[in-house]
Amino acid sequence: MAHLPLHEEDTDLVPLLRSADNDDLAILVEFIMKASTSELGGVPDFKRLNSNSMQEPPVYDGDHKVYADDISAEIQKFGGNTIVNFFRGGKGVPYTEVLRDVADKLGVNYNNSTDAATIEAQIQIKVLERAYEKMDDEQRKELLDAIGTDHKSGIPAALPVMAIQAAIRLGGFAAYQMALIVANAVARQMLGHGLRLAANAGITRVMGMLAGPIGWAITILWTLLDIAGPAYRVTIPCVLQVAYMRQKTLISTCPVEECRAVNPKSAKFCQSCGHKLAR
């Protein structure tokens, strides 16, 4: 089979992965290939483009955009029941079902009209809530600063979920910063390395500082779930990586090397250094 069976009409996943950066797709590939039931390694384009994948540890250095649809198909497959997938002709389920299944397992509230980005944000908040419990005051301050949540009256004992949700609804960078911090910590926990990106110095420090507590939170959540099946070791990290990739499409990064500040796609000038941004 040249390609894995795909739900091409899956608008919450397929177009996003087709337009994604190779470095971001590489993280998804690593998550998927850690599963013993992955079929991605048998895809001809994967084998042709990842010549070092048989090394120990394996290196996935190919042009992942070439087989982005197969990456989507694998995420869909891990979200579906193996026997039911067989009767679907090998297809899994659309990403929305994968996402809702993860949300259900983590105790995240949503309704049938809730869009994918909102459910993803609620899942990230759930992870941060768990991590916040184990952070010291300095780490809590760094997190609240990074996602733009006010703490002038003191560092709250519990994560101020309502304030974070309000910041996200107002269209600030809370959603992007939160997605980046969580995805980086999960990659470190699962893969032994963080995301491949050129973030500004401030957010890089926060990502490193919070990687431990957030990684701990992921481990605890899996333990509480008792995994309920090995597929969650793929779907949970993949959902958190896809959430980051979705938020990344909504921002642009200042090209000035000393700045690298994150700006809305609509911004004409960098909000940090004033450099004119490409439209």
C-alpha atoms as a PDB file:
ATOM      1  CA  MET A   1       0.000   0.000   0.000  1.00  0.00           C
ATOM      2  CA  ALA A   2       1.529   3.315  -1.111  1.00  0.00           C
ATOM      3  CA  HIS A   3      -0.351   5.441   1.393  1.00  0.00           C
ATOM      4  CA  LEU A   4      -2.311   4.805   4.571  1.00  0.00           C
ATOM      5  CA  PRO A   5      -6.135   5.127   4.429  1.00  0.00           C
ATOM      6  CA  LEU A   6      -7.051   8.738   5.186  1.00  0.00           C
ATOM      7  CA  HIS A   7     -10.149  10.788   6.016  1.00  0.00           C
ATOM      8  CA  GLU A   8      -9.277  13.530   3.501  1.00  0.00           C
ATOM      9  CA  GLU A   9     -12.304  15.603   4.525  1.00  0.00           C
ATOM     10  CA  ASP A  10     -10.819  15.990   8.032  1.00  0.00           C
ATOM     11  CA  THR A  11     -10.500  19.796   7.923  1.00  0.00           C
ATOM     12  CA  ASP A  12      -9.234  20.057  11.524  1.00  0.00           C
ATOM     13  CA  LEU A  13      -6.092  18.041  10.800  1.00  0.00           C
ATOM     14  CA  VAL A  14      -5.214  17.307   7.163  1.00  0.00           C
ATOM     15  CA  PRO A  15      -4.801  20.909   5.847  1.00  0.00           C
ATOM     16  CA  LEU A  16      -2.859  21.882   8.977  1.00  0.00           C
ATOM     17  CA  LEU A  17      -0.329  19.075   8.563  1.00  0.00           C
ATOM     18  CA  ARG A  18      -0.021  19.620   4.809  1.00  0.00           C
ATOM     19  CA  SER A  19       1.108  23.214   5.418  1.00  0.00           C
ATOM     20  CA  ALA A  20       3.214  22.529   8.531  1.00  0.00           C
ATOM     21  CA  ASP A  21       6.961  22.948   8.975  1.00  0.00           C
ATOM     22  CA  ASN A  22       9.126  19.844   8.714  1.00  0.00           C
ATOM     23  CA  ASP A  23      10.502  20.374  12.216  1.00  0.00           C
ATOM     24  CA  ASP A  24       6.992  20.306  13.688  1.00  0.00           C
ATOM     25  CA  LEU A  25       6.004  17.254  11.650  1.00  0.00           C
ATOM     26  CA  ALA A  26       9.191  15.511  12.820  1.00  0.00           C
ATOM     27  CA  ILE A  27       7.916  15.620  16.407  1.00  0.00           C
ATOM     28  CA  LEU A  28       4.665  13.920  15.362  1.00  0.00           C
ATOM     29  CA  VAL A  29       6.665  11.293  13.450  1.00  0.00           C
ATOM     30  CA  GLU A  30       8.736  10.532  16.555  1.00  0.00           C
ATOM     31  CA  PHE A  31       5.617  10.187  18.729  1.00  0.00           C
ATOM     32  CA  ILE A  32       4.000   7.849  16.193  1.00  0.00           C
ATOM     33  CA  MET A  33       7.089   5.720  15.598  1.00  0.00           C
ATOM     34  CA  LYS A  34       7.448   5.000  19.326  1.00  0.00           C
ATOM     35  CA  ALA A  35       4.282   2.872  19.087  1.00  0.00           C
ATOM     36  CA  SER A  36       4.817  -0.787  18.205  1.00  0.00           C
ATOM     37  CA  THR A  37       1.606  -0.788  16.144  1.00  0.00           C
ATOM     38  CA  SER A  38       2.607   2.138  13.920  1.00  0.00           C
ATOM     39  CA  GLU A  39       2.247   1.508  10.192  1.00  0.00           C
ATOM     40  CA  LEU A  40       4.076   4.669   9.149  1.00  0.00           C
ATOM     41  CA  GLY A  41       7.415   2.847   8.855  1.00  0.00           C
ATOM     42  CA  GLY A  42       5.976   0.751   6.018  1.00  0.00           C
ATOM     43  CA  VAL A  43       4.999   3.727   3.852  1.00  0.00           C
ATOM     44  CA  PRO A  44       7.316   3.824   0.780  1.00  0.00           C
ATOM     45  CA  ASP A  45       7.868   7.586   1.000  1.00  0.00           C
ATOM     46  CA  PHE A  46       8.803   7.262   4.675  1.00  0.00           C
ATOM     47  CA  LYS A  47      11.322   4.484   3.987  1.00  0.00           C
ATOM     48  CA  ARG A  48      12.790   6.324   1.018  1.00  0.00           C
ATOM     49  CA  LEU A  49      13.257   9.635   2.835  1.00  0.00           C
ATOM     50  CA  ASN A  50      14.341   8.452   6.292  1.00  0.00           C
ATOM     51  CA  SER A  51      17.551   6.587   5.565  1.00  0.00           C
ATOM     52  CA  ASN A  52      18.676   6.752   9.204  1.00  0.00           C
ATOM     53  CA  SER A  53      15.458   5.469  10.752  1.00  0.00           C
ATOM     54  CA  MET A  54      17.057   2.048  11.418  1.00  0.00           C
ATOM     55  CA  GLN A  55      19.769   3.557  13.603  1.00  0.00           C
ATOM     56  CA  GLU A  56      19.661   3.204  17.376  1.00  0.00           C
ATOM     57  CA  PRO A  57      18.341   5.634  18.425  1.00  0.00           C
ATOM     58  CA  PRO A  58      16.543   6.198  15.113  1.00  0.00           C
ATOM     59  CA  VAL A  59      16.856   9.497  13.274  1.00  0.00           C
ATOM     60  CA  TYR A  60      13.883  10.746  11.260  1.00  0.00           C
ATOM     61  CA  ASP A  61      15.521  13.273   8.962  1.00  0.00           C
ATOM     62  CA  GLY A  62      13.360  13.045   5.854  1.00  0.00           C
ATOM     63  CA  ASP A  63      11.106  15.555   4.127  1.00  0.00           C
ATOM     64  CA  HIS A  64       8.065  14.801   6.241  1.00  0.00           C
ATOM     65  CA  LYS A  65       5.826  17.111   4.196  1.00  0.00           C
ATOM     66  CA  VAL A  66       5.949  14.527   1.371  1.00  0.00           C
ATOM     67  CA  TYR A  67       3.982  12.047   3.475  1.00  0.00           C
ATOM     68  CA  ALA A  68       2.056  14.488   5.676  1.00  0.00           C
ATOM     69  CA  ASP A  69      -1.206  12.730   4.754  1.00  0.00           C
ATOM     70  CA  ASP A  70       0.174   9.462   6.124  1.00  0.00           C
ATOM     71  CA  ILE A  71       1.025  11.213   9.399  1.00  0.00           C
ATOM     72  CA  SER A  72      -2.580  12.455   9.548  1.00  0.00           C
ATOM     73  CA  ALA A  73      -3.848   8.946   8.781  1.00  0.00           C
ATOM     74  CA  GLU A  74      -1.811   7.476  11.639  1.00  0.00           C
ATOM     75  CA  ILE A  75      -3.178   9.991  14.148  1.00  0.00           C
ATOM     76  CA  GLN A  76      -6.699   9.196  12.943  1.00  0.00           C
ATOM     77  CA  LYS A  77      -5.995   5.466  13.249  1.00  0.00           C
ATOM     78  CA  PHE A  78      -4.700   5.658  16.820  1.00  0.00           C
ATOM     79  CA  GLY A  79      -7.905   7.471  17.781  1.00  0.00           C
ATOM     80  CA  GLY A  80     -10.101   4.616  16.572  1.00  0.00           C
ATOM     81  CA  ASN A  81     -10.803   1.102  17.793  1.00  0.00           C
ATOM     82  CA  THR A  82      -8.602  -1.459  15.990  1.00  0.00           C
ATOM     83  CA  ILE A  83     -11.469  -3.790  15.117  1.00  0.00           C
ATOM     84  CA  VAL A  84     -13.760  -0.964  14.006  1.00  0.00           C
ATOM     85  CA  ASN A  85     -10.889   0.503  11.948  1.00  0.00           C
ATOM     86  CA  PHE A  86     -10.668  -2.824  10.117  1.00  0.00           C
ATOM     87  CA  PHE A  87     -14.305  -2.571   9.039  1.00  0.00           C
ATOM     88  CA  ARG A  88     -13.707   1.040   7.923  1.00  0.00           C
ATOM     89  CA  GLY A  89     -11.185  -0.208   5.391  1.00  0.00           C
ATOM     90  CA  GLY A  90      -8.274   0.578   7.680  1.00  0.00           C
ATOM     91  CA  LYS A  91      -9.297   4.190   8.274  1.00  0.00           C
ATOM     92  CA  GLY A  92      -9.329   5.619  11.751  1.00  0.00           C
ATOM     93  CA  VAL A  93     -11.586   8.437  12.925  1.00  0.00           C
ATOM     94  CA  PRO A  94     -11.566  12.176  12.117  1.00  0.00           C
ATOM     95  CA  TYR A  95      -9.306  14.281  14.348  1.00  0.00           C
ATOM     96  CA  THR A  96     -12.276  15.809  16.185  1.00  0.00           C
ATOM     97  CA  GLU A  97     -13.124  12.349  17.542  1.00  0.00           C
ATOM     98  CA  VAL A  98      -9.503  11.770  18.554  1.00  0.00           C
ATOM     99  CA  LEU A  99      -9.507  15.155  20.305  1.00  0.00           C
ATOM    100  CA  ARG A 100     -12.793  14.559  22.116  1.00  0.00           C
ATOM    101  CA  ASP A 101     -11.644  11.132  23.259  1.00  0.00           C
ATOM    102  CA  VAL A 102      -8.505  12.664  24.816  1.00  0.00           C
ATOM    103  CA  ALA A 103     -10.619  15.432  26.379  1.00  0.00           C
ATOM    104  CA  ASP A 104     -13.011  12.868  27.860  1.00  0.00           C
ATOM    105  CA  LYS A 105     -10.163  10.848  29.348  1.00  0.00           C
ATOM    106  CA  LEU A 106      -8.632  13.949  30.945  1.00  0.00           C
ATOM    107  CA  GLY A 107     -11.950  15.225  32.297  1.00  0.00           C
ATOM    108  CA  VAL A 108     -12.171  18.296  30.046  1.00  0.00           C
ATOM    109  CA  ASN A 109     -15.582  19.887  29.535  1.00  0.00           C
ATOM    110  CA  TYR A 110     -16.839  20.771  26.054  1.00  0.00           C
ATOM    111  CA  ASN A 111     -20.000  20.436  23.974  1.00  0.00           C
ATOM    112  CA  ASN A 112     -20.676  19.280  20.430  1.00  0.00           C
ATOM    113  CA  SER A 113     -20.407  22.824  19.071  1.00  0.00           C
ATOM    114  CA  THR A 114     -16.972  23.493  20.642  1.00  0.00           C
ATOM    115  CA  ASP A 115     -14.313  23.958  17.953  1.00  0.00           C
ATOM    116  CA  ALA A 116     -11.049  22.019  17.880  1.00  0.00           C
ATOM    117  CA  ALA A 117      -8.815  24.925  18.944  1.00  0.00           C
ATOM    118  CA  THR A 118     -10.925  25.563  22.054  1.00  0.00           C
ATOM    119  CA  ILE A 119     -10.920  21.907  23.104  1.00  0.00           C
ATOM    120  CA  GLU A 120      -7.149  21.814  22.554  1.00  0.00           C
ATOM    121  CA  ALA A 121      -6.732  24.882  24.771  1.00  0.00           C
ATOM    122  CA  GLN A 122      -8.841  23.281  27.517  1.00  0.00           C
ATOM    123  CA  ILE A 123      -6.671  20.144  27.371  1.00  0.00           C
ATOM    124  CA  GLN A 124      -3.535  22.276  27.715  1.00  0.00           C
ATOM    125  CA  ILE A 125      -5.045  24.082  30.699  1.00  0.00           C
ATOM    126  CA  LYS A 126      -5.813  20.715  32.319  1.00  0.00           C
ATOM    127  CA  VAL A 127      -2.145  19.726  31.944  1.00  0.00           C
ATOM    128  CA  LEU A 128      -1.007  23.081  33.334  1.00  0.00           C
ATOM    129  CA  GLU A 129      -3.370  22.752  36.305  1.00  0.00           C
ATOM    130  CA  ARG A 130      -1.705  19.479  37.272  1.00  0.00           C
ATOM    131  CA  ALA A 131       1.775  20.932  36.760  1.00  0.00           C
ATOM    132  CA  TYR A 132       0.971  24.125  38.693  1.00  0.00           C
ATOM    133  CA  GLU A 133       0.385  22.072  41.837  1.00  0.00           C
ATOM    134  CA  LYS A 134       4.068  21.046  41.861  1.00  0.00           C
ATOM    135  CA  MET A 135       5.596  24.383  40.836  1.00  0.00           C
ATOM    136  CA  ASP A 136       7.336  26.634  43.328  1.00  0.00           C
ATOM    137  CA  ASP A 137       6.412  30.334  43.467  1.00  0.00           C
ATOM    138  CA  GLU A 138       9.160  31.338  41.047  1.00  0.00           C
ATOM    139  CA  GLN A 139       7.986  28.803  38.446  1.00  0.00           C
ATOM    140  CA  ARG A 140       4.365  29.867  38.938  1.00  0.00           C
ATOM    141  CA  LYS A 141       5.366  33.501  38.420  1.00  0.00           C
ATOM    142  CA  GLU A 142       7.276  32.610  35.230  1.00  0.00           C
ATOM    143  CA  LEU A 143       4.293  30.697  33.867  1.00  0.00           C
ATOM    144  CA  LEU A 144       1.788  33.458  34.623  1.00  0.00           C
ATOM    145  CA  ASP A 145       4.094  36.072  33.080  1.00  0.00           C
ATOM    146  CA  ALA A 146       4.628  33.948  29.966  1.00  0.00           C
ATOM    147  CA  ILE A 147       0.916  33.561  29.255  1.00  0.00           C
ATOM    148  CA  GLY A 148       0.059  37.147  30.181  1.00  0.00           C
ATOM    149  CA  THR A 149      -1.908  36.496  33.376  1.00  0.00           C
ATOM    150  CA  ASP A 150      -1.851  39.219  36.025  1.00  0.00           C
ATOM    151  CA  HIS A 151      -0.489  38.345  39.472  1.00  0.00           C
ATOM    152  CA  LYS A 152       0.059  41.818  40.985  1.00  0.00           C
ATOM    153  CA  SER A 153      -1.947  40.867  44.048  1.00  0.00           C
ATOM    154  CA  GLY A 154       0.252  37.827  44.653  1.00  0.00           C
ATOM    155  CA  ILE A 155       0.915  34.357  43.247  1.00  0.00           C
ATOM    156  CA  PRO A 156      -2.351  32.379  43.453  1.00  0.00           C
ATOM    157  CA  ALA A 157      -2.261  28.936  45.032  1.00  0.00           C
ATOM    158  CA  ALA A 158      -4.245  27.426  42.138  1.00  0.00           C
ATOM    159  CA  LEU A 159      -3.921  28.066  38.416  1.00  0.00           C
ATOM    160  CA  PRO A 160      -6.225  31.027  37.520  1.00  0.00           C
ATOM    161  CA  VAL A 161      -8.085  29.152  34.801  1.00  0.00           C
ATOM    162  CA  MET A 162     -10.751  31.799  34.258  1.00  0.00           C
ATOM    163  CA  ALA A 163      -8.116  34.501  33.683  1.00  0.00           C
ATOM    164  CA  ILE A 164      -6.293  32.330  31.139  1.00  0.00           C
ATOM    165  CA  GLN A 165      -9.540  31.546  29.315  1.00  0.00           C
ATOM    166  CA  ALA A 166     -10.389  35.262  29.201  1.00  0.00           C
ATOM    167  CA  ALA A 167      -6.951  36.112  27.790  1.00  0.00           C
ATOM    168  CA  ILE A 168      -7.373  33.486  25.074  1.00  0.00           C
ATOM    169  CA  ARG A 169     -10.819  34.825  24.117  1.00  0.00           C
ATOM    170  CA  LEU A 170      -9.399  38.350  23.838  1.00  0.00           C
ATOM    171  CA  GLY A 171      -7.013  37.127  21.177  1.00  0.00           C
ATOM    172  CA  GLY A 172      -3.794  37.687  23.113  1.00  0.00           C
ATOM    173  CA  PHE A 173      -0.790  35.437  22.946  1.00  0.00           C
ATOM    174  CA  ALA A 174      -1.872  33.336  25.909  1.00  0.00           C
ATOM    175  CA  ALA A 175      -3.019  30.510  23.617  1.00  0.00           C
ATOM    176  CA  TYR A 176       0.220  30.428  21.620  1.00  0.00           C
ATOM    177  CA  GLN A 177       2.542  30.728  24.615  1.00  0.00           C
ATOM    178  CA  MET A 178       0.606  28.085  26.524  1.00  0.00           C
ATOM    179  CA  ALA A 179       0.643  25.703  23.555  1.00  0.00           C
ATOM    180  CA  LEU A 180       4.374  26.217  23.046  1.00  0.00           C
ATOM    181  CA  ILE A 181       5.291  25.660  26.715  1.00  0.00           C
ATOM    182  CA  VAL A 182       3.193  22.499  27.010  1.00  0.00           C
ATOM    183  CA  ALA A 183       4.239  20.978  23.662  1.00  0.00           C
ATOM    184  CA  ASN A 184       7.923  21.576  24.397  1.00  0.00           C
ATOM    185  CA  ALA A 185       7.659  19.948  27.830  1.00  0.00           C
ATOM    186  CA  VAL A 186       5.838  16.917  26.429  1.00  0.00           C
ATOM    187  CA  ALA A 187       8.458  16.479  23.690  1.00  0.00           C
ATOM    188  CA  ARG A 188      11.219  16.584  26.301  1.00  0.00           C
ATOM    189  CA  GLN A 189       9.408  14.043  28.439  1.00  0.00           C
ATOM    190  CA  MET A 190       8.566  11.655  25.601  1.00  0.00           C
ATOM    191  CA  LEU A 191      11.494  12.087  23.218  1.00  0.00           C
ATOM    192  CA  GLY A 192      14.344  13.381  25.340  1.00  0.00           C
ATOM    193  CA  HIS A 193      14.519  16.699  23.477  1.00  0.00           C
ATOM    194  CA  GLY A 194      12.372  19.777  23.066  1.00  0.00           C
ATOM    195  CA  LEU A 195      10.861  21.428  20.004  1.00  0.00           C
ATOM    196  CA  ARG A 196      13.129  22.582  17.219  1.00  0.00           C
ATOM    197  CA  LEU A 197      12.489  26.294  17.147  1.00  0.00           C
ATOM    198  CA  ALA A 198      14.117  29.695  17.484  1.00  0.00           C
ATOM    199  CA  ALA A 199      12.105  31.210  20.317  1.00  0.00           C
ATOM    200  CA  ASN A 200      13.059  34.477  21.978  1.00  0.00           C
ATOM    201  CA  ALA A 201      15.312  34.313  25.027  1.00  0.00           C
ATOM    202  CA  GLY A 202      12.509  34.974  27.510  1.00  0.00           C
ATOM    203  CA  ILE A 203      10.182  32.195  26.401  1.00  0.00           C
ATOM    204  CA  THR A 204      13.125  29.782  25.957  1.00  0.00           C
ATOM    205  CA  ARG A 205      14.015  30.269  29.625  1.00  0.00           C
ATOM    206  CA  VAL A 206      10.416  29.633  30.668  1.00  0.00           C
ATOM    207  CA  MET A 207      10.171  26.494  28.518  1.00  0.00           C
ATOM    208  CA  GLY A 208      13.284  25.067  30.136  1.00  0.00           C
ATOM    209  CA  MET A 209      12.235  26.052  33.632  1.00  0.00           C
ATOM    210  CA  LEU A 210       8.769  24.494  33.372  1.00  0.00           C
ATOM    211  CA  ALA A 211       9.633  21.359  31.382  1.00  0.00           C
ATOM    212  CA  GLY A 212      10.066  19.288  34.548  1.00  0.00           C
ATOM    213  CA  PRO A 213       6.759  20.104  36.289  1.00  0.00           C
ATOM    214  CA  ILE A 214       4.748  19.804  33.059  1.00  0.00           C
ATOM    215  CA  GLY A 215       6.451  16.535  32.181  1.00  0.00           C
ATOM    216  CA  TRP A 216       5.558  15.304  35.656  1.00  0.00           C
ATOM    217  CA  ALA A 217       1.930  16.330  35.085  1.00  0.00           C
ATOM    218  CA  ILE A 218       1.752  14.335  31.854  1.00  0.00           C
ATOM    219  CA  THR A 219       3.141  11.260  33.626  1.00  0.00           C
ATOM    220  CA  ILE A 220       0.625  11.617  36.457  1.00  0.00           C
ATOM    221  CA  LEU A 221      -2.292  12.030  34.048  1.00  0.00           C
ATOM    222  CA  TRP A 222      -1.292   8.862  32.235  1.00  0.00           C
ATOM    223  CA  THR A 223      -0.953   7.040  35.554  1.00  0.00           C
ATOM    224  CA  LEU A 224      -4.414   8.176  36.665  1.00  0.00           C
ATOM    225  CA  LEU A 225      -5.843   6.949  33.376  1.00  0.00           C
ATOM    226  CA  ASP A 226      -3.882   3.722  33.734  1.00  0.00           C
ATOM    227  CA  ILE A 227      -3.391   4.466  30.015  1.00  0.00           C
ATOM    228  CA  ALA A 228      -6.526   2.386  29.265  1.00  0.00           C
ATOM    229  CA  GLY A 229      -4.690   1.340  26.109  1.00  0.00           C
ATOM    230  CA  PRO A 230      -1.306   2.121  24.521  1.00  0.00           C
ATOM    231  CA  ALA A 231      -2.907   4.394  21.899  1.00  0.00           C
ATOM    232  CA  TYR A 232      -3.044   7.204  24.475  1.00  0.00           C
ATOM    233  CA  ARG A 233       0.747   7.359  24.472  1.00  0.00           C
ATOM    234  CA  VAL A 234       0.354   8.515  20.869  1.00  0.00           C
ATOM    235  CA  THR A 235      -2.881  10.494  20.889  1.00  0.00           C
ATOM    236  CA  ILE A 236      -2.203  12.627  23.989  1.00  0.00           C
ATOM    237  CA  PRO A 237       1.228  13.938  22.886  1.00  0.00           C
ATOM    238  CA  CYS A 238       0.075  14.251  19.264  1.00  0.00           C
ATOM    239  CA  VAL A 239      -2.950  16.322  20.265  1.00  0.00           C
ATOM    240  CA  LEU A 240      -0.727  18.650  22.307  1.00  0.00           C
ATOM    241  CA  GLN A 241       1.731  19.004  19.404  1.00  0.00           C
ATOM    242  CA  VAL A 242      -1.079  19.637  16.883  1.00  0.00           C
ATOM    243  CA  ALA A 243      -2.500  22.257  19.265  1.00  0.00           C
ATOM    244  CA  TYR A 244       0.833  24.085  19.224  1.00  0.00           C
ATOM    245  CA  MET A 245       1.045  23.813  15.417  1.00  0.00           C
ATOM    246  CA  ARG A 246      -2.444  25.293  15.069  1.00  0.00           C
ATOM    247  CA  GLN A 247      -1.606  28.276  17.278  1.00  0.00           C
ATOM    248  CA  LYS A 248       1.641  28.783  15.375  1.00  0.00           C
ATOM    249  CA  THR A 249      -0.344  29.507  12.199  1.00  0.00           C
ATOM    250  CA  LEU A 250      -1.870  32.544  13.916  1.00  0.00           C
ATOM    251  CA  ILE A 251       1.402  34.319  14.737  1.00  0.00           C
ATOM    252  CA  SER A 252       4.559  35.601  13.052  1.00  0.00           C
ATOM    253  CA  THR A 253       8.067  35.889  14.513  1.00  0.00           C
ATOM    254  CA  CYS A 254      10.162  39.030  14.239  1.00  0.00           C
ATOM    255  CA  PRO A 255      13.052  38.361  11.806  1.00  0.00           C
ATOM    256  CA  VAL A 256      15.508  40.450  13.864  1.00  0.00           C
ATOM    257  CA  GLU A 257      17.859  37.873  15.412  1.00  0.00           C
ATOM    258  CA  GLU A 258      18.230  39.773  18.688  1.00  0.00           C
ATOM    259  CA  CYS A 259      14.453  40.094  19.040  1.00  0.00           C
ATOM    260  CA  ARG A 260      12.512  37.073  17.690  1.00  0.00           C
ATOM    261  CA  ALA A 261       9.386  38.393  19.406  1.00  0.00           C
ATOM    262  CA  VAL A 262       6.026  36.795  18.637  1.00  0.00           C
ATOM    263  CA  ASN A 263       3.454  39.028  16.923  1.00  0.00           C
ATOM    264  CA  PRO A 264      -0.079  38.567  15.542  1.00  0.00           C
ATOM    265  CA  LYS A 265      -0.179  37.761  11.831  1.00  0.00           C
ATOM    266  CA  SER A 266      -2.031  41.066  11.318  1.00  0.00           C
ATOM    267  CA  ALA A 267       0.751  43.209  12.865  1.00  0.00           C
ATOM    268  CA  LYS A 268       2.605  45.591  10.504  1.00  0.00           C
ATOM    269  CA  PHE A 269       5.453  46.274  12.946  1.00  0.00           C
ATOM    270  CA  CYS A 270       7.049  44.165  15.673  1.00  0.00           C
ATOM    271  CA  GLN A 271       5.426  45.016  18.992  1.00  0.00           C
ATOM    272  CA  SER A 272       8.770  44.573  20.735  1.00  0.00           C
ATOM    273  CA  CYS A 273      11.452  46.228  18.571  1.00  0.00           C
ATOM    274  CA  GLY A 274       9.378  48.117  15.956  1.00  0.00           C
ATOM    275  CA  HIS A 275      10.885  46.321  12.934  1.00  0.00           C
ATOM    276  CA  LYS A 276       8.585  46.295   9.887  1.00  0.00           C
ATOM    277  CA  LEU A 277       7.091  42.867   9.390  1.00  0.00           C
ATOM    278  CA  ALA A 278       6.502  41.145   6.065  1.00  0.00           C
ATOM    279  CA  ARG A 279       2.801  40.846   5.204  1.00  0.00           C
END
